[in-house]
Protein backbone atom coordinates (compact mmCIF):
# COMPACT_ATOMS: atom_id res chain seq x y z
CA UNK A 1 -41.09 -311.05 -48.23
CA UNK A 2 -37.31 -311.27 -47.76
CA UNK A 3 -36.12 -313.40 -44.90
CA UNK A 4 -33.10 -312.81 -42.69
CA UNK A 5 -31.32 -315.87 -41.39
CA UNK A 6 -30.78 -315.63 -37.66
CA UNK A 7 -27.03 -315.76 -37.02
CA UNK A 8 -27.18 -317.83 -33.87
CA UNK A 9 -24.34 -320.35 -33.40
CA UNK A 10 -25.04 -324.01 -32.98
CA UNK A 11 -24.67 -325.27 -29.43
CA UNK A 12 -22.52 -328.35 -28.74
CA UNK A 13 -24.25 -331.72 -28.87
CA UNK A 14 -25.97 -332.98 -25.76
CA UNK A 15 -29.50 -333.44 -24.44
CA UNK A 16 -29.51 -330.24 -22.37
CA UNK A 17 -28.41 -327.84 -25.13
CA UNK A 18 -30.52 -324.87 -26.19
CA UNK A 19 -32.54 -325.07 -29.41
CA UNK A 20 -30.95 -323.93 -32.67
CA UNK A 21 -32.78 -320.94 -34.16
CA UNK A 22 -34.47 -321.51 -37.53
CA UNK A 23 -36.21 -319.45 -40.23
CA UNK A 24 -39.13 -321.49 -41.57
CA UNK A 25 -41.10 -321.34 -44.79
CA UNK A 26 -44.69 -320.20 -44.39
CA UNK A 27 -45.56 -323.48 -46.12
CA UNK A 28 -44.81 -325.15 -42.79
CA UNK A 29 -46.69 -322.75 -40.53
CA UNK A 30 -49.72 -324.95 -39.84
CA UNK A 31 -47.49 -327.99 -39.37
CA UNK A 32 -45.21 -326.24 -36.88
CA UNK A 33 -47.95 -324.38 -35.00
CA UNK A 34 -49.95 -327.49 -34.09
CA UNK A 35 -49.13 -329.83 -31.16
CA UNK A 36 -46.11 -331.95 -31.83
CA UNK A 37 -46.51 -335.10 -33.93
CA UNK A 38 -44.26 -338.06 -34.58
CA UNK A 39 -42.08 -338.12 -37.72
CA UNK A 40 -39.03 -339.92 -39.11
CA UNK A 41 -35.75 -338.87 -40.74
CA UNK A 42 -35.75 -340.19 -44.32
CA UNK A 43 -32.48 -338.71 -45.63
CA UNK A 44 -29.39 -336.95 -44.26
CA UNK A 45 -26.81 -334.88 -46.14
CA UNK A 46 -24.06 -332.54 -44.90
CA UNK A 47 -26.26 -329.51 -45.59
CA UNK A 48 -29.79 -330.91 -45.10
CA UNK A 49 -32.00 -333.32 -43.18
CA UNK A 50 -35.36 -334.47 -44.57
CA UNK A 51 -38.10 -335.40 -42.11
CA UNK A 52 -41.30 -337.22 -43.12
CA UNK A 53 -44.49 -336.91 -41.12
CA UNK A 54 -46.54 -340.02 -40.42
CA UNK A 55 -49.65 -338.31 -41.71
CA UNK A 56 -50.89 -338.15 -45.32
CA UNK A 57 -51.58 -334.41 -45.09
CA UNK A 58 -49.25 -332.14 -47.05
CA UNK A 59 -46.61 -330.99 -46.51
CA UNK A 60 -45.62 -334.52 -45.58
CA UNK A 61 -41.90 -333.80 -45.78
CA UNK A 62 -39.99 -330.86 -44.37
CA UNK A 63 -36.32 -330.01 -44.79
CA UNK A 64 -33.98 -328.62 -42.16
CA UNK A 65 -31.13 -327.02 -44.10
CA UNK A 66 -27.94 -325.06 -43.52
CA UNK A 67 -27.64 -321.47 -44.68
CA UNK A 68 -25.52 -322.53 -47.69
CA UNK A 69 -27.96 -325.23 -48.85
CA UNK A 70 -30.64 -325.13 -51.53
CA UNK A 71 -33.66 -323.47 -49.93
CA UNK A 72 -36.66 -325.58 -50.89
CA UNK A 73 -40.18 -324.20 -50.34
CA UNK A 74 -40.62 -326.63 -47.41
CA UNK A 75 -37.39 -325.66 -45.64
CA UNK A 76 -36.38 -324.45 -42.21
CA UNK A 77 -33.02 -322.67 -42.47
CA UNK A 78 -30.47 -322.68 -39.64
CA UNK A 79 -27.48 -320.35 -39.45
CA UNK A 80 -24.80 -323.05 -39.69
CA UNK A 81 -23.17 -323.98 -43.00
CA UNK A 82 -22.30 -327.48 -44.14
CA UNK A 83 -18.72 -326.88 -42.95
CA UNK A 84 -20.07 -326.61 -39.41
CA UNK A 85 -21.48 -330.16 -39.72
CA UNK A 86 -24.78 -329.24 -38.06
CA UNK A 87 -26.35 -332.61 -38.84
CA UNK A 88 -23.38 -334.87 -38.14
CA UNK A 89 -25.20 -336.62 -35.27
CA UNK A 90 -28.39 -337.28 -37.27
CA UNK A 91 -28.96 -340.66 -38.89
CA UNK A 92 -31.45 -341.87 -41.48
CA UNK A 93 -34.25 -343.66 -39.65
CA UNK A 94 -33.98 -341.53 -36.51
CA UNK A 95 -37.19 -340.63 -34.72
CA UNK A 96 -38.35 -337.02 -34.99
CA UNK A 97 -41.05 -334.77 -33.57
CA UNK A 98 -42.57 -331.75 -35.29
CA UNK A 99 -44.88 -329.20 -33.70
CA UNK A 100 -45.13 -326.49 -31.03
CA UNK A 101 -42.71 -324.46 -33.15
CA UNK A 102 -39.96 -327.07 -32.91
CA UNK A 103 -38.37 -329.82 -34.99
CA UNK A 104 -36.56 -332.32 -32.81
CA UNK A 105 -34.58 -335.39 -33.87
CA UNK A 106 -33.77 -338.14 -31.39
CA UNK A 107 -32.11 -341.51 -31.82
CA UNK A 108 -33.91 -344.27 -33.67
CA UNK A 109 -36.41 -346.08 -31.48
CA UNK A 110 -35.93 -343.84 -28.45
CA UNK A 111 -39.54 -342.75 -28.23
CA UNK A 112 -38.75 -339.04 -28.23
CA UNK A 113 -38.32 -338.56 -24.48
CA UNK A 114 -37.10 -335.13 -23.44
CA UNK A 115 -33.52 -336.28 -22.80
CA UNK A 116 -33.31 -339.46 -24.88
CA UNK A 117 -30.38 -339.30 -27.30
CA UNK A 118 -31.26 -335.87 -28.61
CA UNK A 119 -29.61 -335.23 -32.00
CA UNK A 120 -30.79 -331.72 -32.78
CA UNK A 121 -33.60 -329.36 -31.82
CA UNK A 122 -34.58 -326.44 -34.06
CA UNK A 123 -37.01 -323.77 -32.90
CA UNK A 124 -38.69 -321.47 -35.42
CA UNK A 125 -37.86 -317.83 -34.71
CA UNK A 126 -38.83 -316.20 -38.01
CA UNK A 127 -40.62 -317.00 -41.28
CA UNK A 128 -39.89 -316.57 -44.97
CA UNK A 129 -42.42 -316.46 -47.81
CA UNK A 130 -41.99 -319.02 -50.64
CA UNK A 131 -44.51 -317.24 -52.93
CA UNK A 132 -42.72 -314.30 -54.60
CA UNK A 133 -44.76 -311.32 -55.79
CA UNK A 134 -43.85 -310.75 -59.45
CA UNK A 135 -46.43 -308.46 -60.98
CA UNK A 136 -47.53 -306.58 -62.79
CA UNK A 137 -45.57 -307.93 -65.79
CA UNK A 138 -46.27 -306.86 -69.37
CA UNK A 139 -46.33 -309.41 -72.22
CA UNK A 140 -43.32 -307.65 -73.71
CA UNK A 141 -41.40 -308.02 -70.45
CA UNK A 142 -42.41 -311.67 -70.25
CA UNK A 143 -41.22 -312.24 -73.83
CA UNK A 144 -37.90 -310.56 -73.03
CA UNK A 145 -37.52 -312.74 -69.93
CA UNK A 146 -38.32 -315.90 -71.89
CA UNK A 147 -35.63 -315.06 -74.44
CA UNK A 148 -33.09 -314.46 -71.68
CA UNK A 149 -34.00 -317.73 -69.96
CA UNK A 150 -33.84 -319.67 -73.22
CA UNK A 151 -30.35 -318.28 -73.91
CA UNK A 152 -29.11 -319.83 -70.64
CA UNK A 153 -30.97 -323.13 -70.93
CA UNK A 154 -29.71 -326.18 -72.80
CA UNK A 155 -32.28 -328.86 -73.59
CA UNK A 156 -29.51 -331.46 -73.55
CA UNK A 157 -28.93 -330.84 -69.82
CA UNK A 158 -32.48 -331.91 -68.97
CA UNK A 159 -32.56 -335.35 -67.37
CA UNK A 160 -35.24 -336.45 -69.87
CA UNK A 161 -33.58 -334.95 -72.94
CA UNK A 162 -34.17 -338.15 -74.93
CA UNK A 163 -37.77 -338.60 -73.75
CA UNK A 164 -40.66 -337.14 -75.80
CA UNK A 165 -42.77 -336.38 -72.72
CA UNK A 166 -41.44 -332.94 -71.69
CA UNK A 167 -41.59 -331.53 -75.23
CA UNK A 168 -45.10 -332.86 -75.71
CA UNK A 169 -46.17 -331.37 -72.38
CA UNK A 170 -44.69 -327.96 -73.23
CA UNK A 171 -46.42 -327.90 -76.62
CA UNK A 172 -49.83 -328.88 -75.22
CA UNK A 173 -49.57 -326.23 -72.49
CA UNK A 174 -48.69 -323.51 -75.02
CA UNK A 175 -51.72 -324.58 -77.07
CA UNK A 176 -53.99 -324.48 -74.03
CA UNK A 177 -54.89 -328.14 -74.72
CA UNK A 178 -55.86 -329.19 -71.21
CA UNK A 179 -56.77 -332.84 -71.85
CA UNK A 180 -53.54 -333.68 -73.67
CA UNK A 181 -51.45 -331.56 -71.29
CA UNK A 182 -52.81 -333.51 -68.31
CA UNK A 183 -52.10 -336.79 -70.10
CA UNK A 184 -48.52 -335.72 -70.88
CA UNK A 185 -47.96 -334.50 -67.30
CA UNK A 186 -49.21 -337.71 -65.73
CA UNK A 187 -46.84 -339.73 -67.91
CA UNK A 188 -43.73 -338.12 -66.38
CA UNK A 189 -44.72 -338.07 -62.69
CA UNK A 190 -42.03 -339.99 -60.80
CA UNK A 191 -39.93 -340.53 -63.94
CA UNK A 192 -36.22 -340.65 -63.17
CA UNK A 193 -33.99 -341.57 -60.20
CA UNK A 194 -33.27 -339.78 -56.94
CA UNK A 195 -35.16 -338.02 -54.15
CA UNK A 196 -36.68 -335.64 -56.70
CA UNK A 197 -37.04 -337.47 -60.04
CA UNK A 198 -36.49 -335.50 -63.23
CA UNK A 199 -40.12 -335.62 -64.31
CA UNK A 200 -41.24 -334.11 -61.01
CA UNK A 201 -38.65 -331.31 -61.15
CA UNK A 202 -39.85 -330.40 -64.65
CA UNK A 203 -43.46 -330.41 -63.48
CA UNK A 204 -42.65 -328.32 -60.40
CA UNK A 205 -40.94 -325.67 -62.54
CA UNK A 206 -43.82 -325.66 -65.01
CA UNK A 207 -46.55 -325.42 -62.35
CA UNK A 208 -44.98 -322.61 -60.35
CA UNK A 209 -44.19 -320.69 -63.55
CA UNK A 210 -47.74 -320.97 -64.90
CA UNK A 211 -49.28 -319.93 -61.60
CA UNK A 212 -47.00 -317.06 -60.61
CA UNK A 213 -46.33 -315.58 -64.05
CA UNK A 214 -49.93 -316.17 -65.10
CA UNK A 215 -51.07 -314.31 -62.03
CA UNK A 216 -48.77 -311.39 -62.83
CA UNK A 217 -49.18 -310.77 -66.56
CA UNK A 218 -52.25 -309.11 -68.07
CA UNK A 219 -54.36 -311.81 -69.73
CA UNK A 220 -52.72 -314.62 -67.74
CA UNK A 221 -55.97 -316.11 -66.42
CA UNK A 222 -55.77 -319.11 -68.77
CA UNK A 223 -52.29 -319.96 -67.52
CA UNK A 224 -53.52 -319.95 -63.92
CA UNK A 225 -56.51 -322.06 -64.95
CA UNK A 226 -54.13 -324.52 -66.61
CA UNK A 227 -51.97 -324.62 -63.47
CA UNK A 228 -55.06 -325.40 -61.38
CA UNK A 229 -55.99 -328.43 -63.44
CA UNK A 230 -52.46 -329.71 -64.03
CA UNK A 231 -51.64 -329.32 -60.34
CA UNK A 232 -54.75 -331.24 -59.31
CA UNK A 233 -53.93 -334.02 -61.77
CA UNK A 234 -50.27 -334.57 -60.84
CA UNK A 235 -50.77 -334.29 -57.07
CA UNK A 236 -53.86 -336.53 -56.86
CA UNK A 237 -51.84 -339.75 -56.60
CA UNK A 238 -48.30 -338.37 -56.26
CA UNK A 239 -47.91 -340.05 -52.87
CA UNK A 240 -47.97 -343.48 -54.51
CA UNK A 241 -46.21 -342.60 -57.78
CA UNK A 242 -43.09 -340.75 -56.66
CA UNK A 243 -40.94 -340.11 -53.60
CA UNK A 244 -42.42 -338.46 -50.51
CA UNK A 245 -40.19 -335.39 -50.96
CA UNK A 246 -41.06 -335.00 -54.64
CA UNK A 247 -44.78 -335.32 -53.87
CA UNK A 248 -44.51 -332.54 -51.28
CA UNK A 249 -42.64 -330.30 -53.73
CA UNK A 250 -45.32 -330.90 -56.39
CA UNK A 251 -47.98 -329.84 -53.89
CA UNK A 252 -45.95 -326.72 -53.09
CA UNK A 253 -45.49 -325.84 -56.77
CA UNK A 254 -49.19 -326.32 -57.50
CA UNK A 255 -49.86 -323.62 -54.89
CA UNK A 256 -47.25 -321.25 -56.31
CA UNK A 257 -44.65 -321.94 -53.62
CA UNK A 258 -41.07 -321.90 -54.91
CA UNK A 259 -37.63 -322.46 -53.48
CA UNK A 260 -35.34 -319.45 -53.18
CA UNK A 261 -33.30 -320.34 -56.30
CA UNK A 262 -36.44 -320.82 -58.42
CA UNK A 263 -38.00 -317.63 -57.06
CA UNK A 264 -34.88 -315.68 -58.05
CA UNK A 265 -35.22 -316.87 -61.67
CA UNK A 266 -38.89 -315.89 -61.73
CA UNK A 267 -37.97 -312.44 -60.38
CA UNK A 268 -35.36 -312.21 -63.12
CA UNK A 269 -37.97 -313.01 -65.78
CA UNK A 270 -40.18 -310.31 -64.26
CA UNK A 271 -37.30 -307.81 -64.49
CA UNK A 272 -36.87 -307.39 -60.73
CA UNK A 273 -33.33 -308.81 -60.50
CA UNK A 274 -30.59 -309.72 -63.02
CA UNK A 275 -31.67 -312.92 -64.74
CA UNK A 276 -28.39 -314.53 -65.81
CA UNK A 277 -26.81 -314.94 -62.33
CA UNK A 278 -30.10 -316.32 -60.97
CA UNK A 279 -30.33 -318.91 -63.76
CA UNK A 280 -26.73 -319.97 -63.28
CA UNK A 281 -27.26 -320.48 -59.57
CA UNK A 282 -30.32 -322.62 -60.27
CA UNK A 283 -28.50 -324.64 -62.94
CA UNK A 284 -25.89 -325.54 -60.32
CA UNK A 285 -28.46 -327.27 -58.08
CA UNK A 286 -28.08 -331.03 -57.83
CA UNK A 287 -27.03 -333.37 -60.63
CA UNK A 288 -29.86 -332.45 -63.03
CA UNK A 289 -32.48 -330.93 -60.69
CA UNK A 290 -31.48 -327.34 -61.47
CA UNK A 291 -31.54 -327.95 -65.21
CA UNK A 292 -34.87 -329.79 -64.96
CA UNK A 293 -36.48 -327.01 -62.93
CA UNK A 294 -35.14 -324.44 -65.39
CA UNK A 295 -36.58 -326.40 -68.30
CA UNK A 296 -39.98 -326.44 -66.59
CA UNK A 297 -39.79 -322.71 -65.82
CA UNK A 298 -39.08 -321.94 -69.46
CA UNK A 299 -41.95 -324.14 -70.65
CA UNK A 300 -44.29 -322.40 -68.23
CA UNK A 301 -43.03 -318.97 -69.23
CA UNK A 302 -43.60 -319.67 -72.93
CA UNK A 303 -47.03 -321.20 -72.31
CA UNK A 304 -48.08 -318.22 -70.17
CA UNK A 305 -46.95 -315.83 -72.88
CA UNK A 306 -48.74 -317.77 -75.61
CA UNK A 307 -51.99 -318.00 -73.67
CA UNK A 308 -51.88 -314.37 -72.51
CA UNK A 309 -51.39 -313.01 -76.02
CA UNK A 310 -54.04 -315.18 -77.69
CA UNK A 311 -56.91 -313.14 -76.24
CA UNK A 312 -59.18 -311.54 -78.86
CA UNK A 313 -57.76 -308.32 -80.22
CA UNK A 314 -54.25 -309.01 -78.91
CA UNK A 315 -51.24 -309.65 -81.10
CA UNK A 316 -49.35 -312.80 -80.17
CA UNK A 317 -45.82 -312.13 -78.89
CA UNK A 318 -43.31 -314.94 -79.39
CA UNK A 319 -40.13 -315.82 -77.56
């Protein structure tokens, strides 16, 4: 489903202003539809605000982002760009409330009263779907997509280029070796600095690739099965092993929910859109996040192809 960002200008700051219109990921539907619950701002950037719920249920973290920001699978998009400074009044540690279709940020320690130091209020007007429909995809098309993705991907750009873990994980997945794949995956959860550590970005790309491509290619059942088990393993204790945002994104990926930039690459692999521009946009995300996600997508693509073409009577196609 393609979303359309509502072009509704931001109102000036002040407690009486009207809500900003937002387009929310379906990942957040249950969270936004329920009565409002207390939350807290954990990070603020010119183009995004990250809000953490005080509940262990996933998604624990949601993002409110500008229309020019990276669209994560847990994002609510507003029409303003980073040049409009839509989040200039928001501070890390501010109180927030999520529910009844609204995300509201107030000043730290204000208790969330209706007029108490309101920073921003975003009301969901529309929804976008973070689970792209890719199929059906033939093994030949998947092989062609894997070659195109590999041509744009440099292993040296991966944030764990000198670590054996990602290569070991990719090899075990392609072999369908569940036990050793789970062991390799668990070793890189939370590995690396930042809000989304490198190991988690690689895993997110791998999981969403296995699930969505495996569900689209003939013979991809083993890839989906592998995604089920890997996803369960890496999300079981993610809340204590990595950042809150990265844990939420791992949960999203395990369910086949992808950000817009990742979804575009998957559509490119499936032959729905030009692949090269989509890959280059993804590679431009963050310091290494785009490269790490791309690396994971390629590993998942190759594993899906290997597992799909190993069925009895089928000739293995390589990429």
